[in-house]
C-alpha cells in the first residue's frame, strides 16, 4: 500500500493501538499528541489521511482541522468524537472534515472507513 496516515490523539494508548493496526496494514504511520503538533506533522509528512481526535489540550481537533484545511483543502480528515457531540460533528463537516466516527469505535469499522475514504479520493 505505502499510504501515509497521521494519527492525532492526546491518549498515548489510542495512538499506539491505531499505529499498530495501520502498520500491519502496510501504512506509513505518523503520530501527533495534539492539534498544534498535527499541523507541523502535516507539513513534514503530507499524509493521505488524518485521524483526528476532537478533544485535546492546547488545540482541539476542529481548530487544527480548520488550520490544516486552509493550506491543504483536499486533505482527508476523519474526526474521532465522543458519542453524541452533534454540534461538534456539524461544525467539523462544515469545516471540510470528510467523516466523523464516534468513540468508542470498532477498529475494523475504522480501518474499513479509512481505506474507503482513501480509495474514493484516488478514483
N, C-alpha and C. Protein backbone atom coordinates (compact mmCIF):
# COMPACT_ATOMS: atom_id res chain seq x y z
N UNK A 1 0.83 -1.19 0.00
CA UNK A 1 0.00 0.00 0.00
C UNK A 1 0.87 1.25 0.00
N UNK A 2 1.58 1.49 1.13
CA UNK A 2 2.51 2.60 1.19
C UNK A 2 1.89 3.96 1.41
N UNK A 3 0.60 4.01 1.74
CA UNK A 3 -0.01 5.31 2.00
C UNK A 3 0.40 5.81 3.38
N UNK A 4 0.29 7.12 3.54
CA UNK A 4 0.70 7.77 4.79
C UNK A 4 -0.54 8.18 5.59
N UNK A 5 -0.52 7.86 6.88
CA UNK A 5 -1.62 8.23 7.77
C UNK A 5 -1.05 8.96 8.97
N UNK A 6 -1.73 10.02 9.39
CA UNK A 6 -1.35 10.77 10.58
C UNK A 6 -2.43 10.52 11.63
N UNK A 7 -2.03 9.99 12.77
CA UNK A 7 -2.95 9.71 13.87
C UNK A 7 -2.73 10.76 14.95
N UNK A 8 -3.79 11.51 15.26
CA UNK A 8 -3.69 12.61 16.22
C UNK A 8 -4.63 12.33 17.39
N UNK A 9 -4.05 12.08 18.55
CA UNK A 9 -4.85 11.81 19.75
C UNK A 9 -3.98 12.09 20.96
N UNK A 10 -4.55 12.71 21.99
CA UNK A 10 -3.76 13.01 23.17
C UNK A 10 -3.58 11.79 24.07
N UNK A 11 -4.30 10.71 23.81
CA UNK A 11 -4.15 9.50 24.60
C UNK A 11 -3.16 8.56 23.93
N UNK A 12 -2.05 8.34 24.63
CA UNK A 12 -0.96 7.52 24.10
C UNK A 12 -1.43 6.12 23.70
N UNK A 13 -2.31 5.51 24.52
CA UNK A 13 -2.81 4.17 24.24
C UNK A 13 -3.57 4.09 22.92
N UNK A 14 -4.38 5.11 22.65
CA UNK A 14 -5.14 5.16 21.39
C UNK A 14 -4.19 5.30 20.22
N UNK A 15 -3.21 6.20 20.35
CA UNK A 15 -2.23 6.37 19.27
C UNK A 15 -1.51 5.07 18.99
N UNK A 16 -1.07 4.39 20.05
CA UNK A 16 -0.31 3.14 19.89
C UNK A 16 -1.16 2.05 19.25
N UNK A 17 -2.40 1.90 19.68
CA UNK A 17 -3.30 0.89 19.11
C UNK A 17 -3.51 1.13 17.62
N UNK A 18 -3.82 2.37 17.26
CA UNK A 18 -4.08 2.69 15.85
C UNK A 18 -2.80 2.60 15.02
N UNK A 19 -1.68 2.98 15.62
CA UNK A 19 -0.39 2.88 14.92
C UNK A 19 -0.10 1.42 14.57
N UNK A 20 -0.30 0.51 15.54
CA UNK A 20 -0.07 -0.91 15.28
C UNK A 20 -1.01 -1.44 14.21
N UNK A 21 -2.28 -1.07 14.29
CA UNK A 21 -3.28 -1.52 13.32
C UNK A 21 -2.88 -1.12 11.90
N UNK A 22 -2.55 0.15 11.71
CA UNK A 22 -2.25 0.63 10.35
C UNK A 22 -0.86 0.21 9.88
N UNK A 23 0.08 0.02 10.80
CA UNK A 23 1.38 -0.54 10.42
C UNK A 23 1.21 -1.93 9.83
N UNK A 24 0.39 -2.75 10.48
CA UNK A 24 0.13 -4.11 9.99
C UNK A 24 -0.52 -4.10 8.61
N UNK A 25 -1.26 -3.04 8.32
CA UNK A 25 -1.94 -2.91 7.02
C UNK A 25 -1.00 -2.34 5.94
N UNK A 26 0.23 -2.04 6.32
CA UNK A 26 1.19 -1.56 5.34
C UNK A 26 1.25 -0.05 5.18
N UNK A 27 0.62 0.67 6.10
CA UNK A 27 0.63 2.14 6.04
C UNK A 27 1.93 2.67 6.64
N UNK A 28 2.33 3.84 6.16
CA UNK A 28 3.41 4.59 6.79
C UNK A 28 2.71 5.47 7.83
N UNK A 29 3.00 5.24 9.12
CA UNK A 29 2.24 5.88 10.20
C UNK A 29 3.03 6.98 10.87
N UNK A 30 2.37 8.12 11.06
CA UNK A 30 2.92 9.26 11.80
C UNK A 30 1.93 9.57 12.91
N UNK A 31 2.42 10.08 14.04
CA UNK A 31 1.52 10.39 15.15
C UNK A 31 1.80 11.79 15.69
N UNK A 32 0.75 12.34 16.32
CA UNK A 32 0.85 13.63 16.99
C UNK A 32 -0.03 13.57 18.23
N UNK A 33 0.38 14.27 19.29
CA UNK A 33 -0.33 14.22 20.56
C UNK A 33 -1.32 15.37 20.75
N UNK A 34 -1.28 16.36 19.87
CA UNK A 34 -2.24 17.48 19.97
C UNK A 34 -2.35 18.18 18.62
N UNK A 35 -3.28 19.12 18.55
CA UNK A 35 -3.57 19.81 17.30
C UNK A 35 -2.41 20.61 16.74
N UNK A 36 -1.67 21.29 17.62
CA UNK A 36 -0.52 22.08 17.15
C UNK A 36 0.55 21.18 16.52
N UNK A 37 0.83 20.05 17.19
CA UNK A 37 1.80 19.11 16.66
C UNK A 37 1.31 18.54 15.32
N UNK A 38 0.00 18.32 15.22
CA UNK A 38 -0.58 17.78 13.98
C UNK A 38 -0.33 18.71 12.80
N UNK A 39 -0.51 20.00 13.02
CA UNK A 39 -0.30 20.98 11.94
C UNK A 39 1.14 20.90 11.42
N UNK A 40 2.10 20.81 12.35
CA UNK A 40 3.51 20.70 11.95
C UNK A 40 3.79 19.39 11.23
N UNK A 41 3.21 18.28 11.73
CA UNK A 41 3.44 16.97 11.13
C UNK A 41 2.89 16.89 9.71
N UNK A 42 1.77 17.55 9.46
CA UNK A 42 1.18 17.55 8.11
C UNK A 42 2.18 18.12 7.11
N UNK A 43 2.85 19.20 7.50
CA UNK A 43 3.82 19.81 6.59
C UNK A 43 5.02 18.90 6.37
N UNK A 44 5.40 18.13 7.39
CA UNK A 44 6.54 17.21 7.26
C UNK A 44 6.23 16.00 6.40
N UNK A 45 5.06 15.38 6.63
CA UNK A 45 4.80 14.07 6.02
C UNK A 45 3.72 14.05 4.95
N UNK A 46 2.96 15.13 4.78
CA UNK A 46 1.86 15.20 3.83
C UNK A 46 1.08 13.88 3.74
N UNK A 47 0.32 13.56 4.81
CA UNK A 47 -0.38 12.27 4.84
C UNK A 47 -1.51 12.19 3.81
N UNK A 48 -1.88 10.96 3.48
CA UNK A 48 -3.02 10.73 2.60
C UNK A 48 -4.33 10.92 3.36
N UNK A 49 -4.28 10.67 4.68
CA UNK A 49 -5.45 10.81 5.54
C UNK A 49 -5.00 11.12 6.95
N UNK A 50 -5.86 11.83 7.68
CA UNK A 50 -5.59 12.17 9.08
C UNK A 50 -6.73 11.63 9.94
N UNK A 51 -6.39 10.89 10.99
CA UNK A 51 -7.36 10.50 12.02
C UNK A 51 -7.18 11.51 13.14
N UNK A 52 -8.20 12.35 13.37
CA UNK A 52 -8.07 13.48 14.29
C UNK A 52 -9.03 13.33 15.46
N UNK A 53 -8.48 13.28 16.67
CA UNK A 53 -9.33 13.30 17.87
C UNK A 53 -9.89 14.70 18.02
N UNK A 54 -11.10 14.81 18.56
CA UNK A 54 -11.70 16.12 18.73
C UNK A 54 -11.19 16.82 19.98
N UNK A 55 -11.25 16.14 21.12
CA UNK A 55 -10.90 16.79 22.39
C UNK A 55 -9.45 16.53 22.75
N UNK A 56 -8.66 17.60 22.68
CA UNK A 56 -7.23 17.52 23.03
C UNK A 56 -6.82 18.83 23.68
N UNK A 57 -5.75 18.79 24.50
CA UNK A 57 -5.24 20.04 25.09
C UNK A 57 -4.53 20.89 24.02
N UNK A 58 -4.26 22.12 24.36
CA UNK A 58 -3.56 23.10 23.52
C UNK A 58 -4.41 23.55 22.35
N UNK A 59 -4.78 22.63 21.45
CA UNK A 59 -5.61 22.98 20.29
C UNK A 59 -6.47 21.77 19.97
N UNK A 60 -7.79 21.96 19.92
CA UNK A 60 -8.65 20.80 19.67
C UNK A 60 -8.65 20.40 18.19
N UNK A 61 -9.30 19.29 17.92
CA UNK A 61 -9.31 18.73 16.58
C UNK A 61 -9.97 19.61 15.54
N UNK A 62 -11.01 20.32 15.94
CA UNK A 62 -11.71 21.19 14.99
C UNK A 62 -10.82 22.37 14.59
N UNK A 63 -10.18 22.98 15.57
CA UNK A 63 -9.29 24.12 15.29
C UNK A 63 -8.13 23.70 14.40
N UNK A 64 -7.51 22.57 14.72
CA UNK A 64 -6.37 22.14 13.91
C UNK A 64 -6.82 21.67 12.52
N UNK A 65 -7.99 21.06 12.43
CA UNK A 65 -8.51 20.66 11.11
C UNK A 65 -8.72 21.88 10.22
N UNK A 66 -9.30 22.92 10.79
CA UNK A 66 -9.52 24.16 10.01
C UNK A 66 -8.19 24.72 9.52
N UNK A 67 -7.18 24.74 10.40
CA UNK A 67 -5.86 25.27 10.02
C UNK A 67 -5.23 24.41 8.92
N UNK A 68 -5.33 23.09 9.05
CA UNK A 68 -4.76 22.19 8.04
C UNK A 68 -5.48 22.36 6.70
N UNK A 69 -6.80 22.43 6.75
CA UNK A 69 -7.59 22.53 5.51
C UNK A 69 -7.41 23.87 4.80
N UNK A 70 -6.98 24.90 5.55
CA UNK A 70 -6.68 26.19 4.92
C UNK A 70 -5.53 26.04 3.92
N UNK A 71 -4.50 25.30 4.32
CA UNK A 71 -3.33 25.10 3.47
C UNK A 71 -3.46 23.90 2.55
N UNK A 72 -4.29 22.93 2.94
CA UNK A 72 -4.44 21.68 2.18
C UNK A 72 -5.93 21.36 2.06
N UNK A 73 -6.65 22.10 1.21
CA UNK A 73 -8.12 21.95 1.15
C UNK A 73 -8.60 20.56 0.74
N UNK A 74 -7.76 19.76 0.11
CA UNK A 74 -8.17 18.42 -0.32
C UNK A 74 -7.77 17.33 0.68
N UNK A 75 -7.19 17.71 1.81
CA UNK A 75 -6.75 16.73 2.81
C UNK A 75 -7.96 15.98 3.35
N UNK A 76 -7.83 14.66 3.47
CA UNK A 76 -8.90 13.84 4.05
C UNK A 76 -8.70 13.78 5.55
N UNK A 77 -9.69 14.26 6.29
CA UNK A 77 -9.64 14.21 7.75
C UNK A 77 -10.86 13.44 8.25
N UNK A 78 -10.60 12.45 9.09
CA UNK A 78 -11.64 11.68 9.74
C UNK A 78 -11.59 12.05 11.22
N UNK A 79 -12.66 12.66 11.72
CA UNK A 79 -12.69 13.15 13.10
C UNK A 79 -13.25 12.08 14.03
N UNK A 80 -12.54 11.86 15.15
CA UNK A 80 -13.00 10.92 16.17
C UNK A 80 -13.59 11.73 17.31
N UNK A 81 -14.89 11.53 17.58
CA UNK A 81 -15.58 12.33 18.59
C UNK A 81 -16.24 11.43 19.63
N UNK A 82 -16.53 12.02 20.78
CA UNK A 82 -17.30 11.31 21.80
C UNK A 82 -18.73 11.17 21.29
N UNK A 83 -19.36 10.08 21.63
CA UNK A 83 -20.70 9.81 21.15
C UNK A 83 -21.66 10.95 21.47
N UNK A 84 -22.41 11.40 20.48
CA UNK A 84 -23.48 12.36 20.71
C UNK A 84 -23.10 13.82 20.59
N UNK A 85 -21.89 14.13 20.18
CA UNK A 85 -21.49 15.54 20.03
C UNK A 85 -21.96 16.06 18.66
N UNK A 86 -23.28 16.20 18.51
CA UNK A 86 -23.86 16.54 17.22
C UNK A 86 -23.39 17.90 16.72
N UNK A 87 -23.34 18.89 17.60
CA UNK A 87 -22.89 20.23 17.19
C UNK A 87 -21.44 20.21 16.74
N UNK A 88 -20.63 19.40 17.41
CA UNK A 88 -19.21 19.27 17.03
C UNK A 88 -19.10 18.62 15.65
N UNK A 89 -19.87 17.57 15.44
CA UNK A 89 -19.86 16.87 14.15
C UNK A 89 -20.29 17.80 13.03
N UNK A 90 -21.35 18.56 13.26
CA UNK A 90 -21.81 19.51 12.23
C UNK A 90 -20.74 20.56 11.94
N UNK A 91 -20.10 21.07 12.98
CA UNK A 91 -19.04 22.06 12.79
C UNK A 91 -17.87 21.48 12.02
N UNK A 92 -17.52 20.24 12.32
CA UNK A 92 -16.40 19.58 11.63
C UNK A 92 -16.73 19.38 10.15
N UNK A 93 -17.93 18.93 9.87
CA UNK A 93 -18.32 18.69 8.47
C UNK A 93 -18.36 20.02 7.70
N UNK A 94 -18.87 21.08 8.35
CA UNK A 94 -18.90 22.40 7.72
C UNK A 94 -17.50 22.90 7.41
N UNK A 95 -16.52 22.53 8.26
CA UNK A 95 -15.14 22.97 8.08
C UNK A 95 -14.41 22.20 6.97
N UNK A 96 -14.98 21.07 6.54
CA UNK A 96 -14.34 20.31 5.47
C UNK A 96 -13.86 18.93 5.88
N UNK A 97 -14.12 18.54 7.14
CA UNK A 97 -13.80 17.19 7.58
C UNK A 97 -14.68 16.23 6.78
N UNK A 98 -14.08 15.15 6.27
CA UNK A 98 -14.80 14.24 5.38
C UNK A 98 -15.78 13.33 6.10
N UNK A 99 -15.39 12.84 7.28
CA UNK A 99 -16.23 11.90 8.03
C UNK A 99 -15.95 12.04 9.51
N UNK A 100 -16.93 11.63 10.31
CA UNK A 100 -16.76 11.57 11.76
C UNK A 100 -17.11 10.16 12.22
N UNK A 101 -16.42 9.70 13.25
CA UNK A 101 -16.72 8.40 13.85
C UNK A 101 -16.79 8.61 15.36
N UNK A 102 -17.80 7.99 15.98
CA UNK A 102 -17.98 8.13 17.42
C UNK A 102 -17.10 7.18 18.20
N UNK A 103 -16.52 7.70 19.29
CA UNK A 103 -15.77 6.87 20.23
C UNK A 103 -16.75 6.36 21.26
N UNK A 104 -16.64 5.15 21.75
CA UNK A 104 -15.68 4.14 21.30
C UNK A 104 -16.13 3.55 19.96
N UNK A 105 -15.15 3.16 19.14
CA UNK A 105 -15.46 2.62 17.83
C UNK A 105 -14.84 1.24 17.67
N UNK A 106 -15.36 0.50 16.71
CA UNK A 106 -14.81 -0.80 16.35
C UNK A 106 -13.63 -0.51 15.42
N UNK A 107 -12.44 -1.01 15.75
CA UNK A 107 -11.26 -0.67 14.94
C UNK A 107 -11.34 -1.23 13.52
N UNK A 108 -12.08 -2.31 13.33
CA UNK A 108 -12.25 -2.86 11.97
C UNK A 108 -13.12 -1.91 11.14
N UNK A 109 -14.17 -1.37 11.75
CA UNK A 109 -15.02 -0.39 11.07
C UNK A 109 -14.19 0.85 10.72
N UNK A 110 -13.36 1.30 11.66
CA UNK A 110 -12.50 2.45 11.42
C UNK A 110 -11.53 2.17 10.27
N UNK A 111 -10.88 1.01 10.30
CA UNK A 111 -9.93 0.63 9.25
C UNK A 111 -10.61 0.63 7.88
N UNK A 112 -11.80 0.03 7.81
CA UNK A 112 -12.54 -0.02 6.54
C UNK A 112 -12.93 1.39 6.07
N UNK A 113 -13.32 2.24 7.01
CA UNK A 113 -13.70 3.61 6.69
C UNK A 113 -12.50 4.38 6.12
N UNK A 114 -11.34 4.22 6.75
CA UNK A 114 -10.11 4.88 6.28
C UNK A 114 -9.77 4.41 4.87
N UNK A 115 -9.78 3.09 4.67
CA UNK A 115 -9.45 2.55 3.34
C UNK A 115 -10.42 3.06 2.28
N UNK A 116 -11.71 3.10 2.61
CA UNK A 116 -12.71 3.57 1.65
C UNK A 116 -12.52 5.04 1.30
N UNK A 117 -12.26 5.87 2.32
CA UNK A 117 -12.06 7.31 2.07
C UNK A 117 -10.86 7.54 1.14
N UNK A 118 -9.77 6.81 1.38
CA UNK A 118 -8.57 6.98 0.57
C UNK A 118 -8.81 6.46 -0.86
N UNK A 119 -9.48 5.32 -0.98
CA UNK A 119 -9.77 4.76 -2.30
C UNK A 119 -10.69 5.68 -3.10
N UNK A 120 -11.70 6.25 -2.42
CA UNK A 120 -12.62 7.19 -3.09
C UNK A 120 -11.87 8.41 -3.59
N UNK A 121 -10.87 8.83 -2.84
CA UNK A 121 -10.11 10.02 -3.19
C UNK A 121 -9.18 9.76 -4.39
N UNK A 122 -8.69 8.52 -4.50
CA UNK A 122 -7.78 8.16 -5.60
C UNK A 122 -8.55 8.05 -6.92
N UNK A 123 -9.75 7.46 -6.85
CA UNK A 123 -10.51 7.24 -8.09
C UNK A 123 -11.26 8.45 -8.57
